[in-house]
Amino acid sequence: MRECYRILPPGGGKRLILPDGGKYLKAYSEHYAAFFDRLKNIGNPSRSLLTPVEIINQSFRMGGAHRFAWDKETLRCYLTSARFCRRCGN
């Protein structure tokens, strides 16, 4: 994040598309089958994913394209640490 901030021109922006860890974990803890049913082929797996945990792992990893699952609090702290915003208190 710091490198992104460093190379952006003044007033520039960055678009982030991230797996929302909180959303998946909430759906899992609430046994929200409909949420997972529509994600059985997320990321074009070699076979349909069978369980919520398989779907969560696929969503969080995407064949190596993702390395971290985020939630709003964690993202805000990382962005604040990189000086993108100053609201988190760092």
C-alpha atoms as a PDB file:
ATOM      1  CA  MET A   1       0.000   0.000   0.000  1.00  0.00           C
ATOM      2  CA  ARG A   2       2.854   2.373   0.799  1.00  0.00           C
ATOM      3  CA  GLU A   3       4.405   1.846  -2.627  1.00  0.00           C
ATOM      4  CA  CYS A   4       1.045   2.556  -4.275  1.00  0.00           C
ATOM      5  CA  TYR A   5       0.750   5.770  -2.283  1.00  0.00           C
ATOM      6  CA  ARG A   6       4.319   6.768  -3.149  1.00  0.00           C
ATOM      7  CA  ILE A   7       3.918   6.396  -6.911  1.00  0.00           C
ATOM      8  CA  LEU A   8       0.431   7.900  -7.267  1.00  0.00           C
ATOM      9  CA  PRO A   9       0.409  11.466  -8.556  1.00  0.00           C
ATOM     10  CA  PRO A  10      -1.207  14.095  -6.305  1.00  0.00           C
ATOM     11  CA  GLY A  11      -4.984  13.641  -6.441  1.00  0.00           C
ATOM     12  CA  GLY A  12      -4.552  10.201  -8.021  1.00  0.00           C
ATOM     13  CA  GLY A  13      -6.619   7.222  -6.947  1.00  0.00           C
ATOM     14  CA  LYS A  14      -6.401   3.480  -6.601  1.00  0.00           C
ATOM     15  CA  ARG A  15      -9.208   0.982  -7.063  1.00  0.00           C
ATOM     16  CA  LEU A  16      -9.142  -2.070  -4.840  1.00  0.00           C
ATOM     17  CA  ILE A  17     -11.219  -5.190  -5.421  1.00  0.00           C
ATOM     18  CA  LEU A  18     -10.733  -7.485  -2.455  1.00  0.00           C
ATOM     19  CA  PRO A  19     -12.328 -10.585  -0.960  1.00  0.00           C
ATOM     20  CA  ASP A  20     -14.493  -9.455   1.970  1.00  0.00           C
ATOM     21  CA  GLY A  21     -13.488 -11.869   4.719  1.00  0.00           C
ATOM     22  CA  GLY A  22     -16.196 -10.702   7.087  1.00  0.00           C
ATOM     23  CA  LYS A  23     -18.943 -11.375   4.554  1.00  0.00           C
ATOM     24  CA  TYR A  24     -17.824 -14.973   3.978  1.00  0.00           C
ATOM     25  CA  LEU A  25     -17.278 -15.720   7.652  1.00  0.00           C
ATOM     26  CA  LYS A  26     -20.665 -14.292   8.597  1.00  0.00           C
ATOM     27  CA  ALA A  27     -22.394 -16.384   5.911  1.00  0.00           C
ATOM     28  CA  TYR A  28     -20.526 -19.450   7.166  1.00  0.00           C
ATOM     29  CA  SER A  29     -21.364 -18.899  10.833  1.00  0.00           C
ATOM     30  CA  GLU A  30     -25.028 -18.299   9.966  1.00  0.00           C
ATOM     31  CA  HIS A  31     -25.207 -21.413   7.725  1.00  0.00           C
ATOM     32  CA  TYR A  32     -26.367 -19.228   4.821  1.00  0.00           C
ATOM     33  CA  ALA A  33     -26.593 -21.926   2.127  1.00  0.00           C
ATOM     34  CA  ALA A  34     -27.984 -19.635  -0.593  1.00  0.00           C
ATOM     35  CA  PHE A  35     -24.882 -17.414  -0.327  1.00  0.00           C
ATOM     36  CA  PHE A  36     -22.595 -20.375  -1.009  1.00  0.00           C
ATOM     37  CA  ASP A  37     -24.828 -22.081  -3.591  1.00  0.00           C
ATOM     38  CA  ARG A  38     -24.299 -19.258  -6.079  1.00  0.00           C
ATOM     39  CA  LEU A  39     -20.501 -19.363  -5.582  1.00  0.00           C
ATOM     40  CA  LYS A  40     -19.836 -23.045  -6.340  1.00  0.00           C
ATOM     41  CA  ASN A  41     -17.938 -22.123  -9.514  1.00  0.00           C
ATOM     42  CA  ILE A  42     -16.231 -18.924  -8.371  1.00  0.00           C
ATOM     43  CA  GLY A  43     -12.862 -18.487 -10.030  1.00  0.00           C
ATOM     44  CA  ASN A  44     -13.559 -21.265 -12.564  1.00  0.00           C
ATOM     45  CA  PRO A  45     -12.406 -24.239 -10.478  1.00  0.00           C
ATOM     46  CA  SER A  46     -11.690 -27.557 -12.212  1.00  0.00           C
ATOM     47  CA  ARG A  47     -14.820 -28.944 -10.525  1.00  0.00           C
ATOM     48  CA  SER A  48     -17.720 -27.367  -8.680  1.00  0.00           C
ATOM     49  CA  LEU A  49     -16.838 -26.577  -5.083  1.00  0.00           C
ATOM     50  CA  LEU A  50     -18.756 -28.792  -2.682  1.00  0.00           C
ATOM     51  CA  THR A  51     -18.660 -27.144   0.737  1.00  0.00           C
ATOM     52  CA  PRO A  52     -18.713 -23.625   2.159  1.00  0.00           C
ATOM     53  CA  VAL A  53     -15.101 -23.981   3.333  1.00  0.00           C
ATOM     54  CA  GLU A  54     -13.970 -24.952  -0.179  1.00  0.00           C
ATOM     55  CA  ILE A  55     -15.717 -21.846  -1.492  1.00  0.00           C
ATOM     56  CA  ILE A  56     -14.141 -19.671   1.204  1.00  0.00           C
ATOM     57  CA  ASN A  57     -10.665 -21.022   0.423  1.00  0.00           C
ATOM     58  CA  GLN A  58     -11.169 -20.488  -3.306  1.00  0.00           C
ATOM     59  CA  SER A  59     -12.453 -16.955  -2.741  1.00  0.00           C
ATOM     60  CA  PHE A  60      -9.584 -16.047  -0.430  1.00  0.00           C
ATOM     61  CA  ARG A  61      -6.896 -17.539  -2.710  1.00  0.00           C
ATOM     62  CA  MET A  62      -8.215 -17.485  -6.299  1.00  0.00           C
ATOM     63  CA  GLY A  63      -5.433 -19.718  -7.556  1.00  0.00           C
ATOM     64  CA  GLY A  64      -2.768 -17.550  -5.937  1.00  0.00           C
ATOM     65  CA  ALA A  65      -4.122 -14.210  -7.187  1.00  0.00           C
ATOM     66  CA  HIS A  66      -5.358 -13.368  -3.672  1.00  0.00           C
ATOM     67  CA  ARG A  67      -3.065 -13.573  -0.685  1.00  0.00           C
ATOM     68  CA  PHE A  68      -5.167 -12.105   2.090  1.00  0.00           C
ATOM     69  CA  ALA A  69      -8.794 -11.872   3.164  1.00  0.00           C
ATOM     70  CA  TRP A  70      -9.838  -8.384   4.186  1.00  0.00           C
ATOM     71  CA  ASP A  71     -12.474  -6.745   6.315  1.00  0.00           C
ATOM     72  CA  LYS A  72     -13.243  -3.029   6.465  1.00  0.00           C
ATOM     73  CA  GLU A  73     -11.376  -2.464   9.725  1.00  0.00           C
ATOM     74  CA  THR A  74      -8.169  -4.146   8.525  1.00  0.00           C
ATOM     75  CA  LEU A  75      -8.239  -2.403   5.148  1.00  0.00           C
ATOM     76  CA  ARG A  76      -8.809   0.990   6.786  1.00  0.00           C
ATOM     77  CA  CYS A  77      -5.812   0.447   9.082  1.00  0.00           C
ATOM     78  CA  TYR A  78      -3.549  -0.630   6.202  1.00  0.00           C
ATOM     79  CA  LEU A  79      -4.642   2.344   4.097  1.00  0.00           C
ATOM     80  CA  THR A  80      -4.121   4.697   7.018  1.00  0.00           C
ATOM     81  CA  SER A  81      -0.678   3.258   7.664  1.00  0.00           C
ATOM     82  CA  ALA A  82       0.191   3.930   4.011  1.00  0.00           C
ATOM     83  CA  ARG A  83      -1.142   7.523   4.380  1.00  0.00           C
ATOM     84  CA  PHE A  84      -4.160   7.075   2.070  1.00  0.00           C
ATOM     85  CA  CYS A  85      -6.455   8.292   4.848  1.00  0.00           C
ATOM     86  CA  ARG A  86      -5.978   9.628   8.317  1.00  0.00           C
ATOM     87  CA  ARG A  87      -9.167   8.519  10.096  1.00  0.00           C
ATOM     88  CA  CYS A  88      -7.950   5.292  11.737  1.00  0.00           C
ATOM     89  CA  GLY A  89      -5.787   7.139  14.258  1.00  0.00           C
ATOM     90  CA  ASN A  90      -2.301   6.135  13.052  1.00  0.00           C
END
